[in-house]
Amino acid sequence: MRVWRSLEELRGDGPARAVVTVGNFDGVHRGHRAVLDRVRAEAETRGAEARAVTFEPHPLHVLRPDVAPPLVTGPTQRVELLGTTGLDGLLVQRFDLQLAAQSPEQWVRETLVEGLGAVCVVIGVDVRFGHRNAGDLATLRELGQRHGFDVVALEDVAGPAGRRWSSSWVRTCLAEGGVREAADVLGRLHRLDGVVVHGDHRGRELGYPTANLSPEPGATEGLVPADGVYAGWLTVEPDSDDAPGERLPTAVSIGTNPQFDGTQRRVEAYVLDRGPDGFDLYGRAVRVELVERLRPTVRFESVTALTDQMALDVDRTRELLAARPATGANPAGR
């Protein structure tokens, strides 16, 4: 998938005919994938490319930061996930006040028609675009007639019991620690991507050395779920000397470490059966995929009680992951 970061970069690739869709695609969940499947099908029928437009940052983070939602996926994750959908090209359009001020007609003409070469636009029936969201489905159809592209309008894609697949549904699941439920909506395991940094080294002292993701704002991509202990998988980026790309069974602690009066929220991952010293991941980029929440984070009566529970957490993690082996198949079963 080709990725363009501006219209100028896109136009440098020359003219094309494309079926295009537009969205924020936060999470790249099952609903998004259904829309993108339709884009690919329309593109194949028309002998055109399948392309999409997304925005960075999220428009609400620019226009209404007070009500902007936390994002399920970071910008790098989102592009990577969109690259698995079969798209031929993706325009990541910088969203700022200048773009927000464009009229519906200007944005469609400059971005969809002159930029992406749209011969068909696949969109949800509730689409809004342009200055003050003045453009809607009727506007888009009128502009399609004027500029020579078709419009395919899709109803919401529903999941179980008719509930619409949505990023807000994923956020609700994660806020409650429901990573298994979130995976059902996403069609994959929810993940956190970051760089391993030094922590307090208490895990090593307790016999469970952990890889700590950087707690600095923006350093870790992916929405961190509710505090708790989780079973999951850790994957080290390919330049690591230790099994590049291998998914390693992992118990993950998320929280402030109340046993030791911690105040900073952290993500700490213990790779099972790595011994008291673990292995050196400092400075390494890793991916942590969350399978299931085992329990909330609590303060125990003693450190001994904590380590006893940690041993049980490790055993439970091993059992859960043995039942859901890390294979090339989609872990969420799609």
Protein backbone atom coordinates (compact mmCIF):
# COMPACT_ATOMS: atom_id res chain seq x y z
CA MET A 1 0.00 0.00 0.00
CA ARG A 2 1.35 3.40 -0.97
CA VAL A 3 1.01 6.10 1.68
CA TRP A 4 0.86 9.79 0.81
CA ARG A 5 1.16 12.53 3.42
CA SER A 6 0.02 15.42 1.23
CA LEU A 7 -1.84 16.14 -1.99
CA GLU A 8 1.40 17.34 -3.54
CA GLU A 9 3.05 14.00 -2.83
CA LEU A 10 0.00 12.18 -4.17
CA ARG A 11 -0.12 14.17 -7.40
CA GLY A 12 3.53 13.40 -7.94
CA ASP A 13 2.52 9.79 -8.63
CA GLY A 14 0.51 10.87 -11.66
CA PRO A 15 -3.19 10.50 -12.54
CA ALA A 16 -5.21 7.43 -11.60
CA ARG A 17 -8.76 6.10 -11.48
CA ALA A 18 -9.80 5.12 -7.98
CA VAL A 19 -12.64 3.99 -5.78
CA VAL A 20 -12.27 6.02 -2.60
CA THR A 21 -13.57 5.98 0.93
CA VAL A 22 -13.07 8.48 3.74
CA GLY A 23 -12.85 8.02 7.51
CA ASN A 24 -10.88 8.31 10.73
CA PHE A 25 -10.59 4.50 10.90
CA ASP A 26 -9.72 4.53 14.59
CA GLY A 27 -9.08 0.92 15.53
CA VAL A 28 -9.60 -0.37 11.97
CA HIS A 29 -12.38 -2.56 13.41
CA ARG A 30 -14.77 -4.98 11.72
CA GLY A 31 -17.07 -2.20 10.53
CA HIS A 32 -14.19 -0.38 8.85
CA ARG A 33 -13.03 -3.59 7.23
CA ALA A 34 -16.48 -4.28 5.81
CA VAL A 35 -16.46 -0.84 4.16
CA LEU A 36 -12.95 -1.39 2.83
CA ASP A 37 -14.00 -4.79 1.46
CA ARG A 38 -16.70 -3.00 -0.52
CA VAL A 39 -14.15 -0.45 -1.77
CA ARG A 40 -11.92 -3.25 -3.05
CA ALA A 41 -14.86 -5.01 -4.71
CA GLU A 42 -15.97 -1.81 -6.46
CA ALA A 43 -12.40 -1.11 -7.55
CA GLU A 44 -12.04 -4.58 -9.04
CA THR A 45 -15.31 -4.23 -10.92
CA ARG A 46 -14.30 -0.85 -12.35
CA GLY A 47 -10.67 -1.68 -13.07
CA ALA A 48 -9.61 1.05 -10.65
CA GLU A 49 -7.41 1.37 -7.58
CA ALA A 50 -8.78 1.03 -4.05
CA ARG A 51 -7.86 4.12 -2.03
CA ALA A 52 -8.79 5.76 1.27
CA VAL A 53 -8.43 9.13 2.96
CA THR A 54 -7.86 9.52 6.68
CA PHE A 55 -6.89 12.46 8.86
CA GLU A 56 -4.08 13.21 11.28
CA PRO A 57 -4.72 14.41 13.91
CA HIS A 58 -8.30 13.31 14.53
CA PRO A 59 -10.55 16.27 13.56
CA LEU A 60 -12.11 16.49 17.02
CA HIS A 61 -8.66 16.89 18.57
CA VAL A 62 -8.37 20.10 16.53
CA LEU A 63 -11.94 21.42 16.58
CA ARG A 64 -13.20 20.21 19.97
CA PRO A 65 -10.28 18.99 22.07
CA ASP A 66 -12.43 19.20 25.21
CA VAL A 67 -14.65 16.36 23.93
CA ALA A 68 -12.15 14.51 21.72
CA PRO A 69 -12.12 10.77 22.46
CA PRO A 70 -8.99 8.83 23.39
CA LEU A 71 -7.82 6.94 20.31
CA VAL A 72 -7.86 3.15 20.13
CA THR A 73 -4.88 3.15 17.76
CA GLY A 74 -1.99 5.52 17.31
CA PRO A 75 -1.15 6.99 13.89
CA THR A 76 1.55 4.45 13.05
CA GLN A 77 -0.64 1.53 14.12
CA ARG A 78 -3.57 2.81 12.08
CA VAL A 79 -1.55 3.09 8.86
CA GLU A 80 -0.06 -0.36 9.42
CA LEU A 81 -3.48 -1.92 10.02
CA LEU A 82 -4.98 -0.21 6.97
CA GLY A 83 -2.12 -1.69 5.00
CA THR A 84 -3.47 -5.17 5.79
CA THR A 85 -6.88 -4.49 4.20
CA GLY A 86 -5.90 -4.71 0.53
CA LEU A 87 -5.94 -0.98 -0.18
CA ASP A 88 -3.72 0.20 -3.01
CA GLY A 89 -3.19 3.64 -1.53
CA LEU A 90 -3.84 5.77 1.55
CA LEU A 91 -3.81 9.56 1.82
CA VAL A 92 -3.09 10.71 5.38
CA GLN A 93 -4.35 14.27 5.20
CA ARG A 94 -3.16 16.70 7.84
CA PHE A 95 -6.21 18.10 9.57
CA ASP A 96 -5.85 21.71 10.64
CA LEU A 97 -8.00 24.83 10.72
CA GLN A 98 -7.17 25.61 7.10
CA LEU A 99 -8.46 22.23 5.94
CA ALA A 100 -11.48 22.53 8.23
CA ALA A 101 -12.37 25.84 6.56
CA GLN A 102 -12.66 24.31 3.09
CA SER A 103 -16.16 24.20 1.64
CA PRO A 104 -17.60 20.77 0.82
CA GLU A 105 -17.16 21.48 -2.90
CA GLN A 106 -13.53 22.60 -2.55
CA TRP A 107 -12.55 19.58 -0.46
CA VAL A 108 -14.24 17.10 -2.80
CA ARG A 109 -12.77 18.69 -5.90
CA GLU A 110 -9.22 19.10 -4.61
CA THR A 111 -8.90 15.91 -2.55
CA LEU A 112 -11.24 13.29 -4.01
CA VAL A 113 -11.32 14.27 -7.67
CA GLU A 114 -8.10 16.08 -8.57
CA GLY A 115 -6.02 14.35 -5.90
CA LEU A 116 -7.21 10.77 -5.67
CA GLY A 117 -8.89 10.44 -9.07
CA ALA A 118 -12.22 9.25 -7.68
CA VAL A 119 -14.57 7.52 -10.11
CA CYS A 120 -16.61 6.18 -7.18
CA VAL A 121 -16.89 7.14 -3.51
CA VAL A 122 -18.00 4.54 -0.96
CA ILE A 123 -19.32 6.23 2.16
CA GLY A 124 -21.63 5.82 5.14
CA VAL A 125 -25.13 7.25 4.92
CA ASP A 126 -24.37 9.62 7.83
CA VAL A 127 -21.35 11.22 6.14
CA ARG A 128 -20.61 14.87 6.96
CA PHE A 129 -17.74 16.88 5.51
CA GLY A 130 -16.52 20.37 4.69
CA HIS A 131 -16.70 23.60 6.70
CA ARG A 132 -18.94 23.18 9.75
CA ASN A 133 -19.88 19.74 8.41
CA ALA A 134 -22.10 21.44 5.85
CA GLY A 135 -21.77 18.58 3.35
CA ASP A 136 -23.89 15.44 3.64
CA LEU A 137 -24.85 12.47 1.47
CA ALA A 138 -27.09 14.59 -0.75
CA THR A 139 -24.25 17.10 -1.20
CA LEU A 140 -21.85 14.34 -2.14
CA ARG A 141 -24.23 12.90 -4.72
CA GLU A 142 -24.74 16.32 -6.26
CA LEU A 143 -20.98 16.86 -6.42
CA GLY A 144 -20.59 13.40 -7.91
CA GLN A 145 -22.87 14.32 -10.79
CA ARG A 146 -20.94 17.53 -11.29
CA HIS A 147 -17.45 15.97 -11.17
CA GLY A 148 -18.14 12.57 -12.69
CA PHE A 149 -18.03 10.06 -9.85
CA ASP A 150 -20.59 7.60 -8.49
CA VAL A 151 -21.58 7.41 -4.83
CA VAL A 152 -22.19 4.10 -3.03
CA ALA A 153 -23.86 4.75 0.33
CA LEU A 154 -23.59 2.04 2.99
CA GLU A 155 -25.75 1.54 6.06
CA ASP A 156 -24.04 0.92 9.39
CA VAL A 157 -22.39 -2.49 9.66
CA ALA A 158 -23.88 -4.30 12.65
CA GLY A 159 -22.42 -6.87 14.99
CA PRO A 160 -24.13 -9.14 17.52
CA ALA A 161 -27.73 -8.27 18.37
CA GLY A 162 -27.69 -5.57 15.70
CA ARG A 163 -25.24 -3.31 17.53
CA ARG A 164 -23.14 -1.16 15.20
CA TRP A 165 -19.42 -1.95 15.09
CA SER A 166 -17.75 1.23 16.30
CA SER A 167 -14.62 2.71 17.85
CA SER A 168 -16.70 3.94 20.80
CA TRP A 169 -17.75 0.34 21.49
CA VAL A 170 -14.06 -0.64 21.65
CA ARG A 171 -13.32 2.26 24.01
CA THR A 172 -16.13 1.17 26.31
CA CYS A 173 -14.78 -2.38 26.40
CA LEU A 174 -11.23 -1.24 27.16
CA ALA A 175 -12.36 1.18 29.88
CA GLU A 176 -13.82 -1.86 31.67
CA GLY A 177 -10.80 -4.06 31.03
CA GLY A 178 -12.73 -6.10 28.48
CA VAL A 179 -9.90 -6.81 26.06
CA ARG A 180 -11.52 -10.07 24.93
CA GLU A 181 -14.74 -8.19 24.09
CA ALA A 182 -12.70 -5.47 22.37
CA ALA A 183 -11.03 -8.13 20.23
CA ASP A 184 -14.46 -9.31 19.09
CA VAL A 185 -15.19 -5.81 17.76
CA LEU A 186 -11.73 -5.24 16.33
CA GLY A 187 -11.40 -8.64 14.70
CA ARG A 188 -7.93 -8.90 16.26
CA LEU A 189 -6.25 -8.57 19.64
CA HIS A 190 -5.93 -5.04 20.99
CA ARG A 191 -2.30 -4.03 21.16
CA LEU A 192 0.09 -1.54 22.72
CA ASP A 193 3.28 -0.58 20.86
CA GLY A 194 6.15 1.14 22.61
CA VAL A 195 9.80 1.19 23.63
CA VAL A 196 11.09 -0.62 26.72
CA VAL A 197 12.55 1.67 29.39
CA HIS A 198 14.02 1.18 32.84
CA GLY A 199 11.53 0.97 35.71
CA ASP A 200 12.04 0.49 39.44
CA HIS A 201 13.45 -3.03 38.91
CA ARG A 202 11.14 -4.38 41.62
CA GLY A 203 9.91 -7.12 39.30
CA ARG A 204 13.45 -8.44 39.03
CA GLU A 205 13.78 -8.36 42.83
CA LEU A 206 10.54 -10.31 43.17
CA GLY A 207 11.59 -12.91 40.59
CA TYR A 208 9.43 -11.55 37.78
CA PRO A 209 11.53 -9.15 35.65
CA THR A 210 9.33 -6.98 33.46
CA ALA A 211 9.66 -5.00 30.27
CA ASN A 212 8.26 -1.54 31.03
CA LEU A 213 6.76 0.47 28.19
CA SER A 214 7.65 4.14 28.26
CA PRO A 215 5.05 6.10 30.25
CA GLU A 216 5.88 9.38 28.51
CA PRO A 217 2.88 10.96 26.74
CA GLY A 218 2.68 9.75 23.16
CA ALA A 219 5.52 7.26 23.56
CA THR A 220 3.22 4.22 23.54
CA GLU A 221 0.59 3.76 20.82
CA GLY A 222 -2.72 2.09 21.56
CA LEU A 223 -5.35 2.89 24.17
CA VAL A 224 -4.27 1.53 27.56
CA PRO A 225 -7.15 -0.43 29.12
CA ALA A 226 -8.34 -0.41 32.72
CA ASP A 227 -5.84 -1.22 35.45
CA GLY A 228 -5.38 -4.91 36.01
CA VAL A 229 -3.37 -8.02 35.25
CA TYR A 230 -3.72 -9.45 31.75
CA ALA A 231 -2.63 -12.47 29.77
CA GLY A 232 -1.07 -11.55 26.46
CA TRP A 233 1.74 -11.81 23.95
CA LEU A 234 4.89 -9.73 23.56
CA THR A 235 6.61 -9.41 20.19
CA VAL A 236 10.08 -7.90 19.89
CA GLU A 237 10.87 -5.86 16.81
CA PRO A 238 12.99 -7.73 14.23
CA ASP A 239 16.32 -6.14 15.14
CA SER A 240 16.31 -7.88 18.53
CA ASP A 241 18.73 -10.80 18.90
CA ASP A 242 16.11 -12.78 20.79
CA ALA A 243 13.75 -14.62 18.41
CA PRO A 244 12.93 -11.73 16.05
CA GLY A 245 9.22 -11.48 15.43
CA GLU A 246 8.34 -14.35 17.80
CA ARG A 247 5.25 -13.82 19.95
CA LEU A 248 6.22 -14.61 23.53
CA PRO A 249 3.69 -15.58 26.24
CA THR A 250 3.40 -12.70 28.67
CA ALA A 251 1.66 -11.63 31.88
CA VAL A 252 0.98 -7.89 31.79
CA SER A 253 0.40 -5.56 34.73
CA ILE A 254 -1.24 -2.19 34.13
CA GLY A 255 -1.58 0.33 36.95
CA THR A 256 0.23 2.44 39.51
CA ASN A 257 1.72 -0.44 41.52
CA PRO A 258 -0.31 0.21 44.69
CA GLN A 259 1.70 -2.36 46.68
CA PHE A 260 4.61 0.08 46.68
CA ASP A 261 2.57 3.33 46.74
CA GLY A 262 3.24 4.09 43.11
CA THR A 263 1.66 7.13 41.46
CA GLN A 264 2.63 6.78 37.78
CA ARG A 265 0.50 4.49 35.63
CA ARG A 266 2.64 1.89 33.86
CA VAL A 267 2.44 -1.06 31.50
CA GLU A 268 4.78 -3.85 32.64
CA ALA A 269 5.15 -7.13 30.77
CA TYR A 270 6.68 -10.30 32.25
CA VAL A 271 7.67 -12.83 29.60
CA LEU A 272 6.98 -16.28 31.00
CA ASP A 273 9.80 -18.65 31.91
CA ARG A 274 12.64 -16.23 31.25
CA GLY A 275 14.24 -16.77 34.66
CA PRO A 276 15.13 -14.21 37.33
CA ASP A 277 17.11 -12.00 34.95
CA GLY A 278 14.72 -12.04 32.00
CA PHE A 279 16.41 -10.78 28.84
CA ASP A 280 17.66 -7.37 27.84
CA LEU A 281 14.99 -5.38 25.98
CA TYR A 282 15.96 -1.86 27.06
CA GLY A 283 15.57 0.51 24.16
CA ARG A 284 13.84 -2.14 22.06
CA ALA A 285 10.51 -1.52 20.33
CA VAL A 286 7.95 -4.14 21.36
CA ARG A 287 4.30 -4.97 20.76
CA VAL A 288 2.06 -6.16 23.59
CA GLU A 289 -1.19 -7.88 22.55
CA LEU A 290 -3.80 -8.35 25.27
CA VAL A 291 -5.83 -11.57 25.36
CA GLU A 292 -7.79 -11.50 28.61
CA ARG A 293 -7.98 -9.66 31.93
CA LEU A 294 -7.19 -11.92 34.87
CA ARG A 295 -7.99 -9.63 37.79
CA PRO A 296 -7.96 -6.01 38.95
CA THR A 297 -4.85 -4.42 40.42
CA VAL A 298 -5.05 -4.39 44.22
CA ARG A 299 -2.85 -3.88 47.25
CA PHE A 300 -2.08 -7.08 49.17
CA GLU A 301 -1.46 -7.56 52.88
CA SER A 302 2.20 -8.32 52.28
CA VAL A 303 4.79 -8.65 49.56
CA THR A 304 4.67 -12.41 50.10
CA ALA A 305 0.95 -12.40 49.39
CA LEU A 306 1.66 -10.39 46.25
CA THR A 307 4.30 -12.81 44.95
CA ASP A 308 2.01 -15.77 45.71
CA GLN A 309 -0.68 -14.14 43.60
CA MET A 310 1.83 -13.35 40.86
CA ALA A 311 2.69 -17.04 40.66
CA LEU A 312 -1.02 -17.82 40.24
CA ASP A 313 -1.29 -15.10 37.58
CA VAL A 314 1.56 -16.68 35.64
CA ASP A 315 -0.05 -20.12 35.87
CA ARG A 316 -3.38 -18.74 34.69
CA THR A 317 -1.69 -16.86 31.86
CA ARG A 318 0.00 -20.07 30.72
CA GLU A 319 -3.33 -21.91 30.74
CA LEU A 320 -5.16 -19.22 28.79
CA LEU A 321 -2.47 -18.84 26.15
CA ALA A 322 -2.13 -22.59 25.71
CA ALA A 323 -5.81 -22.63 24.82
CA ARG A 324 -5.26 -19.75 22.36
CA PRO A 325 -1.90 -20.43 20.71
CA ALA A 326 -0.10 -17.68 18.83
CA THR A 327 -0.47 -18.70 15.22
CA GLY A 328 -0.66 -16.82 11.96
CA ALA A 329 -4.45 -16.98 12.20
CA ASN A 330 -6.44 -14.02 13.42
CA PRO A 331 -6.49 -14.39 17.22
CA ALA A 332 -9.97 -12.91 17.41
CA GLY A 333 -11.29 -15.60 15.13
CA ARG A 334 -12.24 -13.54 12.09
